[in-house]
Amino acid sequence: MAHGRYRNVFLASIAVAAASPASAQDALPQVQPERVRELVHLVRQDCGSCHGLTLQGGLGPALTPPALRDKPRESLIATILGGRPGTPMPPFRGIVVEEEAAWIVDRLSEGFPADQGAAR
């Protein structure tokens, strides 16, 4: 009988999860405010050296919302962390963690903030 009870709890939890979709905002990674300034500067300067300081493209492709619209989020995160072998795109793992890479992708997808300069 205990098995049936667990099955019912499991099925009820699936029904609740399906009935209450999480908002995209709930899934956004959290980055500490002091790290945000560093990440913005990193993207604008380091990434911008290849992707253009305005992220409109250069040696690397544009990193604008329209350019990224059809790119899978997880693929973009993996590219930031692991780079692209055989291309000039280096890995940033060790410089950023996965949550920060996700934060960068989410900000790029909505329009990246302006650089306020390096953290002091």
PDB file of N, CA and C in Angstrom:
ATOM      1  N   MET A   1       0.803  -1.198   0.000  1.00  0.00           N
ATOM      2  CA  MET A   1       0.000   0.000   0.000  1.00  0.00           C
ATOM      3  C   MET A   1       0.845   1.261   0.000  1.00  0.00           C
ATOM      4  N   ALA A   2       1.990   1.228   0.690  1.00  0.00           N
ATOM      5  CA  ALA A   2       2.858   2.410   0.755  1.00  0.00           C
ATOM      6  C   ALA A   2       3.298   2.816  -0.649  1.00  0.00           C
ATOM      7  N   HIS A   3       3.545   1.839  -1.499  1.00  0.00           N
ATOM      8  CA  HIS A   3       3.977   2.126  -2.864  1.00  0.00           C
ATOM      9  C   HIS A   3       2.949   2.979  -3.594  1.00  0.00           C
ATOM     10  N   GLY A   4       1.674   2.658  -3.444  1.00  0.00           N
ATOM     11  CA  GLY A   4       0.604   3.415  -4.088  1.00  0.00           C
ATOM     12  C   GLY A   4       0.520   4.845  -3.586  1.00  0.00           C
ATOM     13  N   ARG A   5       0.751   5.024  -2.285  1.00  0.00           N
ATOM     14  CA  ARG A   5       0.717   6.360  -1.701  1.00  0.00           C
ATOM     15  C   ARG A   5       1.832   7.228  -2.301  1.00  0.00           C
ATOM     16  N   TYR A   6       3.056   6.666  -2.421  1.00  0.00           N
ATOM     17  CA  TYR A   6       4.171   7.416  -2.997  1.00  0.00           C
ATOM     18  C   TYR A   6       3.902   7.750  -4.462  1.00  0.00           C
ATOM     19  N   ARG A   7       3.291   6.810  -5.157  1.00  0.00           N
ATOM     20  CA  ARG A   7       2.956   7.045  -6.563  1.00  0.00           C
ATOM     21  C   ARG A   7       1.982   8.214  -6.681  1.00  0.00           C
ATOM     22  N   ASN A   8       0.986   8.258  -5.784  1.00  0.00           N
ATOM     23  CA  ASN A   8       0.002   9.348  -5.816  1.00  0.00           C
ATOM     24  C   ASN A   8       0.651  10.695  -5.502  1.00  0.00           C
ATOM     25  N   VAL A   9       1.575  10.718  -4.537  1.00  0.00           N
ATOM     26  CA  VAL A   9       2.280  11.960  -4.203  1.00  0.00           C
ATOM     27  C   VAL A   9       3.110  12.415  -5.396  1.00  0.00           C
ATOM     28  N   PHE A  10       3.792  11.464  -6.033  1.00  0.00           N
ATOM     29  CA  PHE A  10       4.604  11.769  -7.204  1.00  0.00           C
ATOM     30  C   PHE A  10       3.742  12.346  -8.331  1.00  0.00           C
ATOM     31  N   LEU A  11       2.637  11.694  -8.618  1.00  0.00           N
ATOM     32  CA  LEU A  11       1.747  12.170  -9.680  1.00  0.00           C
ATOM     33  C   LEU A  11       1.161  13.539  -9.341  1.00  0.00           C
ATOM     34  N   ALA A  12       0.833  13.762  -8.079  1.00  0.00           N
ATOM     35  CA  ALA A  12       0.304  15.069  -7.673  1.00  0.00           C
ATOM     36  C   ALA A  12       1.354  16.151  -7.837  1.00  0.00           C
ATOM     37  N   SER A  13       2.608  15.854  -7.515  1.00  0.00           N
ATOM     38  CA  SER A  13       3.663  16.862  -7.668  1.00  0.00           C
ATOM     39  C   SER A  13       3.895  17.193  -9.133  1.00  0.00           C
ATOM     40  N   ILE A  14       3.775  16.213 -10.015  1.00  0.00           N
ATOM     41  CA  ILE A  14       3.896  16.475 -11.457  1.00  0.00           C
ATOM     42  C   ILE A  14       2.756  17.373 -11.918  1.00  0.00           C
ATOM     43  N   ALA A  15       1.558  17.093 -11.448  1.00  0.00           N
ATOM     44  CA  ALA A  15       0.393  17.894 -11.842  1.00  0.00           C
ATOM     45  C   ALA A  15       0.545  19.337 -11.374  1.00  0.00           C
ATOM     46  N   VAL A  16       1.035  19.538 -10.143  1.00  0.00           N
ATOM     47  CA  VAL A  16       1.231  20.896  -9.641  1.00  0.00           C
ATOM     48  C   VAL A  16       2.292  21.617 -10.455  1.00  0.00           C
ATOM     49  N   ALA A  17       3.384  20.934 -10.752  1.00  0.00           N
ATOM     50  CA  ALA A  17       4.460  21.554 -11.535  1.00  0.00           C
ATOM     51  C   ALA A  17       3.972  21.933 -12.926  1.00  0.00           C
ATOM     52  N   ALA A  18       3.174  21.081 -13.529  1.00  0.00           N
ATOM     53  CA  ALA A  18       2.666  21.365 -14.867  1.00  0.00           C
ATOM     54  C   ALA A  18       1.641  22.490 -14.858  1.00  0.00           C
ATOM     55  N   ALA A  19       0.885  22.591 -13.792  1.00  0.00           N
ATOM     56  CA  ALA A  19      -0.170  23.600 -13.714  1.00  0.00           C
ATOM     57  C   ALA A  19       0.356  24.981 -13.346  1.00  0.00           C
ATOM     58  N   SER A  20       1.558  25.054 -12.793  1.00  0.00           N
ATOM     59  CA  SER A  20       2.096  26.344 -12.375  1.00  0.00           C
ATOM     60  C   SER A  20       3.441  26.596 -13.035  1.00  0.00           C
ATOM     61  N   PRO A  21       3.425  27.056 -14.285  1.00  0.00           N
ATOM     62  CA  PRO A  21       4.685  27.280 -14.989  1.00  0.00           C
ATOM     63  C   PRO A  21       5.500  28.366 -14.301  1.00  0.00           C
ATOM     64  N   ALA A  22       6.780  28.118 -14.170  1.00  0.00           N
ATOM     65  CA  ALA A  22       7.682  29.114 -13.580  1.00  0.00           C
ATOM     66  C   ALA A  22       7.926  30.213 -14.599  1.00  0.00           C
ATOM     67  N   SER A  23       8.006  31.419 -14.104  1.00  0.00           N
ATOM     68  CA  SER A  23       8.313  32.527 -15.009  1.00  0.00           C
ATOM     69  C   SER A  23       9.775  32.472 -15.384  1.00  0.00           C
ATOM     70  N   ALA A  24      10.113  33.069 -16.514  1.00  0.00           N
ATOM     71  CA  ALA A  24      11.505  33.125 -16.952  1.00  0.00           C
ATOM     72  C   ALA A  24      12.350  33.855 -15.922  1.00  0.00           C
ATOM     73  N   GLN A  25      11.761  34.825 -15.237  1.00  0.00           N
ATOM     74  CA  GLN A  25      12.487  35.595 -14.233  1.00  0.00           C
ATOM     75  C   GLN A  25      12.946  34.697 -13.083  1.00  0.00           C
ATOM     76  N   ASP A  26      12.130  33.698 -12.717  1.00  0.00           N
ATOM     77  CA  ASP A  26      12.486  32.798 -11.634  1.00  0.00           C
ATOM     78  C   ASP A  26      13.731  31.994 -11.954  1.00  0.00           C
ATOM     79  N   ALA A  27      13.958  31.719 -13.233  1.00  0.00           N
ATOM     80  CA  ALA A  27      15.069  30.876 -13.639  1.00  0.00           C
ATOM     81  C   ALA A  27      16.356  31.661 -13.877  1.00  0.00           C
ATOM     82  N   LEU A  28      16.308  32.987 -13.829  1.00  0.00           N
ATOM     83  CA  LEU A  28      17.497  33.782 -14.107  1.00  0.00           C
ATOM     84  C   LEU A  28      18.539  33.596 -13.020  1.00  0.00           C
ATOM     85  N   PRO A  29      19.800  33.448 -13.430  1.00  0.00           N
ATOM     86  CA  PRO A  29      20.851  33.301 -12.445  1.00  0.00           C
ATOM     87  C   PRO A  29      21.070  34.607 -11.676  1.00  0.00           C
ATOM     88  N   GLN A  30      21.466  34.476 -10.432  1.00  0.00           N
ATOM     89  CA  GLN A  30      21.740  35.640  -9.596  1.00  0.00           C
ATOM     90  C   GLN A  30      23.244  35.878  -9.546  1.00  0.00           C
ATOM     91  N   VAL A  31      23.643  37.126  -9.735  1.00  0.00           N
ATOM     92  CA  VAL A  31      25.045  37.517  -9.667  1.00  0.00           C
ATOM     93  C   VAL A  31      25.146  38.648  -8.660  1.00  0.00           C
ATOM     94  N   GLN A  32      26.142  38.576  -7.808  1.00  0.00           N
ATOM     95  CA  GLN A  32      26.342  39.610  -6.797  1.00  0.00           C
ATOM     96  C   GLN A  32      26.550  40.969  -7.455  1.00  0.00           C
ATOM     97  N   PRO A  33      25.959  42.031  -6.902  1.00  0.00           N
ATOM     98  CA  PRO A  33      26.049  43.364  -7.508  1.00  0.00           C
ATOM     99  C   PRO A  33      27.481  43.823  -7.784  1.00  0.00           C
ATOM    100  N   GLU A  34      28.412  43.535  -6.891  1.00  0.00           N
ATOM    101  CA  GLU A  34      29.788  43.960  -7.120  1.00  0.00           C
ATOM    102  C   GLU A  34      30.423  43.208  -8.291  1.00  0.00           C
ATOM    103  N   ARG A  35      29.968  41.990  -8.547  1.00  0.00           N
ATOM    104  CA  ARG A  35      30.492  41.202  -9.673  1.00  0.00           C
ATOM    105  C   ARG A  35      29.877  41.654 -10.992  1.00  0.00           C
ATOM    106  N   VAL A  36      28.674  42.217 -10.967  1.00  0.00           N
ATOM    107  CA  VAL A  36      28.009  42.676 -12.188  1.00  0.00           C
ATOM    108  C   VAL A  36      28.887  43.676 -12.926  1.00  0.00           C
ATOM    109  N   ARG A  37      29.414  44.662 -12.223  1.00  0.00           N
ATOM    110  CA  ARG A  37      30.265  45.677 -12.858  1.00  0.00           C
ATOM    111  C   ARG A  37      31.484  45.027 -13.516  1.00  0.00           C
ATOM    112  N   GLU A  38      32.093  44.053 -12.843  1.00  0.00           N
ATOM    113  CA  GLU A  38      33.249  43.349 -13.404  1.00  0.00           C
ATOM    114  C   GLU A  38      32.871  42.575 -14.666  1.00  0.00           C
ATOM    115  N   LEU A  39      31.719  41.902 -14.639  1.00  0.00           N
ATOM    116  CA  LEU A  39      31.283  41.125 -15.799  1.00  0.00           C
ATOM    117  C   LEU A  39      30.958  42.025 -16.982  1.00  0.00           C
ATOM    118  N   VAL A  40      30.304  43.155 -16.723  1.00  0.00           N
ATOM    119  CA  VAL A  40      29.992  44.088 -17.802  1.00  0.00           C
ATOM    120  C   VAL A  40      31.290  44.585 -18.430  1.00  0.00           C
ATOM    121  N   HIS A  41      32.262  44.949 -17.600  1.00  0.00           N
ATOM    122  CA  HIS A  41      33.547  45.427 -18.105  1.00  0.00           C
ATOM    123  C   HIS A  41      34.252  44.321 -18.899  1.00  0.00           C
ATOM    124  N   LEU A  42      34.235  43.102 -18.390  1.00  0.00           N
ATOM    125  CA  LEU A  42      34.843  41.968 -19.080  1.00  0.00           C
ATOM    126  C   LEU A  42      34.250  41.793 -20.472  1.00  0.00           C
ATOM    127  N   VAL A  43      32.930  41.777 -20.550  1.00  0.00           N
ATOM    128  CA  VAL A  43      32.276  41.567 -21.844  1.00  0.00           C
ATOM    129  C   VAL A  43      32.568  42.725 -22.784  1.00  0.00           C
ATOM    130  N   ARG A  44      32.420  43.945 -22.308  1.00  0.00           N
ATOM    131  CA  ARG A  44      32.632  45.108 -23.175  1.00  0.00           C
ATOM    132  C   ARG A  44      34.082  45.222 -23.647  1.00  0.00           C
ATOM    133  N   GLN A  45      35.034  44.871 -22.796  1.00  0.00           N
ATOM    134  CA  GLN A  45      36.441  45.022 -23.172  1.00  0.00           C
ATOM    135  C   GLN A  45      37.032  43.744 -23.770  1.00  0.00           C
ATOM    136  N   ASP A  46      36.976  42.642 -23.035  1.00  0.00           N
ATOM    137  CA  ASP A  46      37.607  41.417 -23.503  1.00  0.00           C
ATOM    138  C   ASP A  46      36.839  40.793 -24.669  1.00  0.00           C
ATOM    139  N   CYS A  47      35.545  40.602 -24.484  1.00  0.00           N
ATOM    140  CA  CYS A  47      34.742  40.040 -25.580  1.00  0.00           C
ATOM    141  C   CYS A  47      34.653  41.039 -26.727  1.00  0.00           C
ATOM    142  N   GLY A  48      34.538  42.326 -26.348  1.00  0.00           N
ATOM    143  CA  GLY A  48      34.437  43.384 -27.346  1.00  0.00           C
ATOM    144  C   GLY A  48      35.657  43.504 -28.234  1.00  0.00           C
ATOM    145  N   SER A  49      36.813  43.019 -27.768  1.00  0.00           N
ATOM    146  CA  SER A  49      38.004  43.109 -28.609  1.00  0.00           C
ATOM    147  C   SER A  49      37.858  42.276 -29.881  1.00  0.00           C
ATOM    148  N   CYS A  50      37.044  41.250 -29.848  1.00  0.00           N
ATOM    149  CA  CYS A  50      36.780  40.452 -31.059  1.00  0.00           C
ATOM    150  C   CYS A  50      35.375  40.675 -31.614  1.00  0.00           C
ATOM    151  N   HIS A  51      34.418  40.847 -30.721  1.00  0.00           N
ATOM    152  CA  HIS A  51      33.019  40.974 -31.145  1.00  0.00           C
ATOM    153  C   HIS A  51      32.617  42.427 -31.380  1.00  0.00           C
ATOM    154  N   GLY A  52      33.564  43.344 -31.260  1.00  0.00           N
ATOM    155  CA  GLY A  52      33.290  44.771 -31.432  1.00  0.00           C
ATOM    156  C   GLY A  52      32.925  45.400 -30.099  1.00  0.00           C
ATOM    157  N   LEU A  53      33.467  46.580 -29.843  1.00  0.00           N
ATOM    158  CA  LEU A  53      33.221  47.236 -28.557  1.00  0.00           C
ATOM    159  C   LEU A  53      31.745  47.550 -28.329  1.00  0.00           C
ATOM    160  N   THR A  54      30.986  47.639 -29.407  1.00  0.00           N
ATOM    161  CA  THR A  54      29.539  47.822 -29.274  1.00  0.00           C
ATOM    162  C   THR A  54      28.806  46.484 -29.459  1.00  0.00           C
ATOM    163  N   LEU A  55      29.583  45.413 -29.554  1.00  0.00           N
ATOM    164  CA  LEU A  55      29.077  44.042 -29.704  1.00  0.00           C
ATOM    165  C   LEU A  55      28.316  43.836 -31.010  1.00  0.00           C
ATOM    166  N   GLN A  56      28.582  44.692 -31.985  1.00  0.00           N
ATOM    167  CA  GLN A  56      27.921  44.595 -33.287  1.00  0.00           C
ATOM    168  C   GLN A  56      28.650  43.650 -34.240  1.00  0.00           C
ATOM    169  N   GLY A  57      29.753  43.078 -33.794  1.00  0.00           N
ATOM    170  CA  GLY A  57      30.513  42.146 -34.620  1.00  0.00           C
ATOM    171  C   GLY A  57      31.860  42.723 -34.995  1.00  0.00           C
ATOM    172  N   GLY A  58      32.769  41.854 -35.328  1.00  0.00           N
ATOM    173  CA  GLY A  58      34.128  42.197 -35.726  1.00  0.00           C
ATOM    174  C   GLY A  58      34.759  40.911 -36.201  1.00  0.00           C
ATOM    175  N   LEU A  59      35.883  40.529 -35.592  1.00  0.00           N
ATOM    176  CA  LEU A  59      36.469  39.222 -35.881  1.00  0.00           C
ATOM    177  C   LEU A  59      35.456  38.134 -35.527  1.00  0.00           C
ATOM    178  N   GLY A  60      34.784  38.324 -34.400  1.00  0.00           N
ATOM    179  CA  GLY A  60      33.729  37.406 -33.969  1.00  0.00           C
ATOM    180  C   GLY A  60      32.369  37.943 -34.368  1.00  0.00           C
ATOM    181  N   PRO A  61      31.345  37.102 -34.333  1.00  0.00           N
ATOM    182  CA  PRO A  61      30.006  37.545 -34.732  1.00  0.00           C
ATOM    183  C   PRO A  61      29.405  38.549 -33.740  1.00  0.00           C
ATOM    184  N   ALA A  62      28.370  39.222 -34.172  1.00  0.00           N
ATOM    185  CA  ALA A  62      27.641  40.164 -33.324  1.00  0.00           C
ATOM    186  C   ALA A  62      27.046  39.424 -32.125  1.00  0.00           C
ATOM    187  N   LEU A  63      26.995  40.125 -30.997  1.00  0.00           N
ATOM    188  CA  LEU A  63      26.393  39.584 -29.771  1.00  0.00           C
ATOM    189  C   LEU A  63      25.193  40.428 -29.367  1.00  0.00           C
ATOM    190  N   THR A  64      24.381  40.757 -30.335  1.00  0.00           N
ATOM    191  CA  THR A  64      23.194  41.584 -30.122  1.00  0.00           C
ATOM    192  C   THR A  64      21.962  40.693 -29.979  1.00  0.00           C
ATOM    193  N   PRO A  65      20.892  41.216 -29.388  1.00  0.00           N
ATOM    194  CA  PRO A  65      19.676  40.400 -29.264  1.00  0.00           C
ATOM    195  C   PRO A  65      19.208  39.797 -30.598  1.00  0.00           C
ATOM    196  N   PRO A  66      19.162  40.560 -31.702  1.00  0.00           N
ATOM    197  CA  PRO A  66      18.723  39.925 -32.950  1.00  0.00           C
ATOM    198  C   PRO A  66      19.672  38.810 -33.425  1.00  0.00           C
ATOM    199  N   ALA A  67      20.972  38.999 -33.225  1.00  0.00           N
ATOM    200  CA  ALA A  67      21.939  37.992 -33.672  1.00  0.00           C
ATOM    201  C   ALA A  67      21.859  36.718 -32.838  1.00  0.00           C
ATOM    202  N   LEU A  68      21.443  36.841 -31.584  1.00  0.00           N
ATOM    203  CA  LEU A  68      21.396  35.691 -30.678  1.00  0.00           C
ATOM    204  C   LEU A  68      20.019  35.055 -30.562  1.00  0.00           C
ATOM    205  N   ARG A  69      19.020  35.670 -31.154  1.00  0.00           N
ATOM    206  CA  ARG A  69      17.620  35.254 -30.989  1.00  0.00           C
ATOM    207  C   ARG A  69      17.394  33.754 -31.202  1.00  0.00           C
ATOM    208  N   ASP A  70      17.994  33.182 -32.228  1.00  0.00           N
ATOM    209  CA  ASP A  70      17.737  31.775 -32.542  1.00  0.00           C
ATOM    210  C   ASP A  70      18.794  30.820 -31.997  1.00  0.00           C
ATOM    211  N   LYS A  71      19.692  31.326 -31.187  1.00  0.00           N
ATOM    212  CA  LYS A  71      20.757  30.489 -30.623  1.00  0.00           C
ATOM    213  C   LYS A  71      20.292  29.905 -29.291  1.00  0.00           C
ATOM    214  N   PRO A  72      20.481  28.617 -29.088  1.00  0.00           N
ATOM    215  CA  PRO A  72      20.078  28.011 -27.820  1.00  0.00           C
ATOM    216  C   PRO A  72      20.903  28.573 -26.655  1.00  0.00           C
ATOM    217  N   ARG A  73      20.222  28.938 -25.599  1.00  0.00           N
ATOM    218  CA  ARG A  73      20.866  29.525 -24.413  1.00  0.00           C
ATOM    219  C   ARG A  73      21.983  28.636 -23.885  1.00  0.00           C
ATOM    220  N   GLU A  74      21.714  27.342 -23.740  1.00  0.00           N
ATOM    221  CA  GLU A  74      22.717  26.423 -23.193  1.00  0.00           C
ATOM    222  C   GLU A  74      23.945  26.337 -24.090  1.00  0.00           C
ATOM    223  N   SER A  75      23.757  26.439 -25.389  1.00  0.00           N
ATOM    224  CA  SER A  75      24.884  26.419 -26.316  1.00  0.00           C
ATOM    225  C   SER A  75      25.757  27.664 -26.152  1.00  0.00           C
ATOM    226  N   LEU A  76      25.112  28.815 -25.954  1.00  0.00           N
ATOM    227  CA  LEU A  76      25.860  30.056 -25.750  1.00  0.00           C
ATOM    228  C   LEU A  76      26.644  30.005 -24.439  1.00  0.00           C
ATOM    229  N   ILE A  77      26.037  29.467 -23.402  1.00  0.00           N
ATOM    230  CA  ILE A  77      26.723  29.323 -22.117  1.00  0.00           C
ATOM    231  C   ILE A  77      27.930  28.403 -22.285  1.00  0.00           C
ATOM    232  N   ALA A  78      27.744  27.294 -22.978  1.00  0.00           N
ATOM    233  CA  ALA A  78      28.841  26.348 -23.209  1.00  0.00           C
ATOM    234  C   ALA A  78      29.965  26.993 -24.012  1.00  0.00           C
ATOM    235  N   THR A  79      29.619  27.847 -24.968  1.00  0.00           N
ATOM    236  CA  THR A  79      30.642  28.531 -25.761  1.00  0.00           C
ATOM    237  C   THR A  79      31.456  29.471 -24.885  1.00  0.00           C
ATOM    238  N   ILE A  80      30.801  30.207 -24.011  1.00  0.00           N
ATOM    239  CA  ILE A  80      31.533  31.107 -23.111  1.00  0.00           C
ATOM    240  C   ILE A  80      32.481  30.292 -22.236  1.00  0.00           C
ATOM    241  N   LEU A  81      32.006  29.234 -21.666  1.00  0.00           N
ATOM    242  CA  LEU A  81      32.813  28.451 -20.739  1.00  0.00           C
ATOM    243  C   LEU A  81      33.908  27.651 -21.432  1.00  0.00           C
ATOM    244  N   GLY A  82      33.584  27.041 -22.552  1.00  0.00           N
ATOM    245  CA  GLY A  82      34.528  26.134 -23.206  1.00  0.00           C
ATOM    246  C   GLY A  82      35.210  26.659 -24.443  1.00  0.00           C
ATOM    247  N   GLY A  83      34.808  27.845 -24.910  1.00  0.00           N
ATOM    248  CA  GLY A  83      35.379  28.374 -26.142  1.00  0.00           C
ATOM    249  C   GLY A  83      34.883  27.599 -27.347  1.00  0.00           C
ATOM    250  N   ARG A  84      35.515  27.850 -28.472  1.00  0.00           N
ATOM    251  CA  ARG A  84      35.195  27.124 -29.702  1.00  0.00           C
ATOM    252  C   ARG A  84      36.497  26.630 -30.300  1.00  0.00           C
ATOM    253  N   PRO A  85      36.822  25.354 -30.096  1.00  0.00           N
ATOM    254  CA  PRO A  85      38.074  24.823 -30.648  1.00  0.00           C
ATOM    255  C   PRO A  85      38.172  25.070 -32.150  1.00  0.00           C
ATOM    256  N   GLY A  86      39.352  25.423 -32.583  1.00  0.00           N
ATOM    257  CA  GLY A  86      39.587  25.673 -34.008  1.00  0.00           C
ATOM    258  C   GLY A  86      39.226  27.079 -34.432  1.00  0.00           C
ATOM    259  N   THR A  87      38.797  27.906 -33.475  1.00  0.00           N
ATOM    260  CA  THR A  87      38.477  29.305 -33.759  1.00  0.00           C
ATOM    261  C   THR A  87      39.221  30.172 -32.749  1.00  0.00           C
ATOM    262  N   PRO A  88      39.222  31.491 -32.944  1.00  0.00           N
ATOM    263  CA  PRO A  88      39.860  32.362 -31.948  1.00  0.00           C
ATOM    264  C   PRO A  88      39.091  32.477 -30.625  1.00  0.00           C
ATOM    265  N   MET A  89      37.885  31.903 -30.527  1.00  0.00           N
ATOM    266  CA  MET A  89      37.084  32.019 -29.307  1.00  0.00           C
ATOM    267  C   MET A  89      37.705  31.182 -28.190  1.00  0.00           C
ATOM    268  N   PRO A  90      38.271  31.865 -27.152  1.00  0.00           N
ATOM    269  CA  PRO A  90      38.901  31.130 -26.052  1.00  0.00           C
ATOM    270  C   PRO A  90      37.878  30.716 -24.997  1.00  0.00           C
ATOM    271  N   PRO A  91      38.241  29.745 -24.177  1.00  0.00           N
ATOM    272  CA  PRO A  91      37.366  29.396 -23.047  1.00  0.00           C
ATOM    273  C   PRO A  91      37.510  30.428 -21.935  1.00  0.00           C
ATOM    274  N   PHE A  92      36.410  30.741 -21.277  1.00  0.00           N
ATOM    275  CA  PHE A  92      36.430  31.660 -20.146  1.00  0.00           C
ATOM    276  C   PHE A  92      36.185  30.950 -18.822  1.00  0.00           C
ATOM    277  N   ARG A  93      36.138  29.606 -18.860  1.00  0.00           N
ATOM    278  CA  ARG A  93      36.000  28.840 -17.607  1.00  0.00           C
ATOM    279  C   ARG A  93      37.222  29.161 -16.753  1.00  0.00           C
ATOM    280  N   GLY A  94      36.994  29.438 -15.500  1.00  0.00           N
ATOM    281  CA  GLY A  94      38.076  29.859 -14.619  1.00  0.00           C
ATOM    282  C   GLY A  94      38.079  31.370 -14.441  1.00  0.00           C
ATOM    283  N   ILE A  95      37.541  32.072 -15.422  1.00  0.00           N
ATOM    284  CA  ILE A  95      37.373  33.520 -15.324  1.00  0.00           C
ATOM    285  C   ILE A  95      35.946  33.815 -14.892  1.00  0.00           C
ATOM    286  N   VAL A  96      35.010  33.032 -15.444  1.00  0.00           N
ATOM    287  CA  VAL A  96      33.606  33.113 -15.032  1.00  0.00           C
ATOM    288  C   VAL A  96      33.129  31.708 -14.682  1.00  0.00           C
ATOM    289  N   VAL A  97      32.175  31.635 -13.774  1.00  0.00           N
ATOM    290  CA  VAL A  97      31.542  30.362 -13.438  1.00  0.00           C
ATOM    291  C   VAL A  97      30.273  30.224 -14.272  1.00  0.00           C
ATOM    292  N   GLU A  98      29.667  29.065 -14.232  1.00  0.00           N
ATOM    293  CA  GLU A  98      28.504  28.797 -15.083  1.00  0.00           C
ATOM    294  C   GLU A  98      27.365  29.793 -14.854  1.00  0.00           C
ATOM    295  N   GLU A  99      27.078  30.138 -13.599  1.00  0.00           N
ATOM    296  CA  GLU A  99      25.998  31.089 -13.312  1.00  0.00           C
ATOM    297  C   GLU A  99      26.299  32.457 -13.929  1.00  0.00           C
ATOM    298  N   GLU A 100      27.565  32.857 -13.914  1.00  0.00           N
ATOM    299  CA  GLU A 100      27.941  34.138 -14.509  1.00  0.00           C
ATOM    300  C   GLU A 100      27.848  34.084 -16.027  1.00  0.00           C
ATOM    301  N   ALA A 101      28.227  32.957 -16.620  1.00  0.00           N
ATOM    302  CA  ALA A 101      28.086  32.797 -18.071  1.00  0.00           C
ATOM    303  C   ALA A 101      26.613  32.872 -18.461  1.00  0.00           C
ATOM    304  N   ALA A 102      25.746  32.256 -17.661  1.00  0.00           N
ATOM    305  CA  ALA A 102      24.302  32.322 -17.919  1.00  0.00           C
ATOM    306  C   ALA A 102      23.805  33.752 -17.785  1.00  0.00           C
ATOM    307  N   TRP A 103      24.291  34.475 -16.788  1.00  0.00           N
ATOM    308  CA  TRP A 103      23.909  35.884 -16.597  1.00  0.00           C
ATOM    309  C   TRP A 103      24.328  36.698 -17.821  1.00  0.00           C
ATOM    310  N   ILE A 104      25.536  36.463 -18.318  1.00  0.00           N
ATOM    311  CA  ILE A 104      26.023  37.177 -19.506  1.00  0.00           C
ATOM    312  C   ILE A 104      25.119  36.893 -20.697  1.00  0.00           C
ATOM    313  N   VAL A 105      24.802  35.629 -20.927  1.00  0.00           N
ATOM    314  CA  VAL A 105      23.933  35.260 -22.061  1.00  0.00           C
ATOM    315  C   VAL A 105      22.574  35.932 -21.928  1.00  0.00           C
ATOM    316  N   ASP A 106      22.004  35.914 -20.728  1.00  0.00           N
ATOM    317  CA  ASP A 106      20.695  36.533 -20.527  1.00  0.00           C
ATOM    318  C   ASP A 106      20.751  38.034 -20.789  1.00  0.00           C
ATOM    319  N   ARG A 107      21.807  38.696 -20.341  1.00  0.00           N
ATOM    320  CA  ARG A 107      21.942  40.145 -20.590  1.00  0.00           C
ATOM    321  C   ARG A 107      22.180  40.424 -22.079  1.00  0.00           C
ATOM    322  N   LEU A 108      22.995  39.618 -22.745  1.00  0.00           N
ATOM    323  CA  LEU A 108      23.220  39.811 -24.177  1.00  0.00           C
ATOM    324  C   LEU A 108      21.913  39.659 -24.948  1.00  0.00           C
ATOM    325  N   SER A 109      21.079  38.731 -24.515  1.00  0.00           N
ATOM    326  CA  SER A 109      19.820  38.464 -25.211  1.00  0.00           C
ATOM    327  C   SER A 109      18.810  39.597 -25.079  1.00  0.00           C
ATOM    328  N   GLU A 110      18.989  40.446 -24.080  1.00  0.00           N
ATOM    329  CA  GLU A 110      18.048  41.553 -23.884  1.00  0.00           C
ATOM    330  C   GLU A 110      18.658  42.908 -24.206  1.00  0.00           C
ATOM    331  N   GLY A 111      19.952  42.955 -24.499  1.00  0.00           N
ATOM    332  CA  GLY A 111      20.652  44.214 -24.756  1.00  0.00           C
ATOM    333  C   GLY A 111      21.618  44.464 -23.616  1.00  0.00           C
ATOM    334  N   PHE A 112      22.893  44.342 -23.885  1.00  0.00           N
ATOM    335  CA  PHE A 112      23.902  44.362 -22.829  1.00  0.00           C
ATOM    336  C   PHE A 112      24.088  45.758 -22.253  1.00  0.00           C
ATOM    337  N   PRO A 113      24.265  45.863 -20.918  1.00  0.00           N
ATOM    338  CA  PRO A 113      24.444  47.170 -20.290  1.00  0.00           C
ATOM    339  C   PRO A 113      25.743  47.851 -20.712  1.00  0.00           C
ATOM    340  N   ALA A 114      25.788  49.156 -20.545  1.00  0.00           N
ATOM    341  CA  ALA A 114      26.992  49.940 -20.843  1.00  0.00           C
ATOM    342  C   ALA A 114      28.054  49.663 -19.787  1.00  0.00           C
ATOM    343  N   ASP A 115      29.293  49.833 -20.185  1.00  0.00           N
ATOM    344  CA  ASP A 115      30.431  49.652 -19.284  1.00  0.00           C
ATOM    345  C   ASP A 115      30.580  50.875 -18.388  1.00  0.00           C
ATOM    346  N   GLN A 116      30.643  50.641 -17.089  1.00  0.00           N
ATOM    347  CA  GLN A 116      30.860  51.719 -16.121  1.00  0.00           C
ATOM    348  C   GLN A 116      32.316  51.779 -15.689  1.00  0.00           C
ATOM    349  N   GLY A 117      33.178  51.049 -16.388  1.00  0.00           N
ATOM    350  CA  GLY A 117      34.596  51.016 -16.035  1.00  0.00           C
ATOM    351  C   GLY A 117      34.910  49.846 -15.122  1.00  0.00           C
ATOM    352  N   ALA A 118      36.195  49.598 -14.974  1.00  0.00           N
ATOM    353  CA  ALA A 118      36.636  48.478 -14.126  1.00  0.00           C
ATOM    354  C   ALA A 118      36.259  48.772 -12.680  1.00  0.00           C
ATOM    355  N   ALA A 119      36.019  47.709 -11.937  1.00  0.00           N
ATOM    356  CA  ALA A 119      35.710  47.859 -10.519  1.00  0.00           C
ATOM    357  C   ALA A 119      36.909  48.477  -9.817  1.00  0.00           C
ATOM    358  N   ARG A 120      36.633  49.305  -8.841  1.00  0.00           N
ATOM    359  CA  ARG A 120      37.724  50.001  -8.155  1.00  0.00           C
ATOM    360  C   ARG A 120      38.003  49.389  -6.824  1.00  0.00           C
TER     361      ARG A 120
END
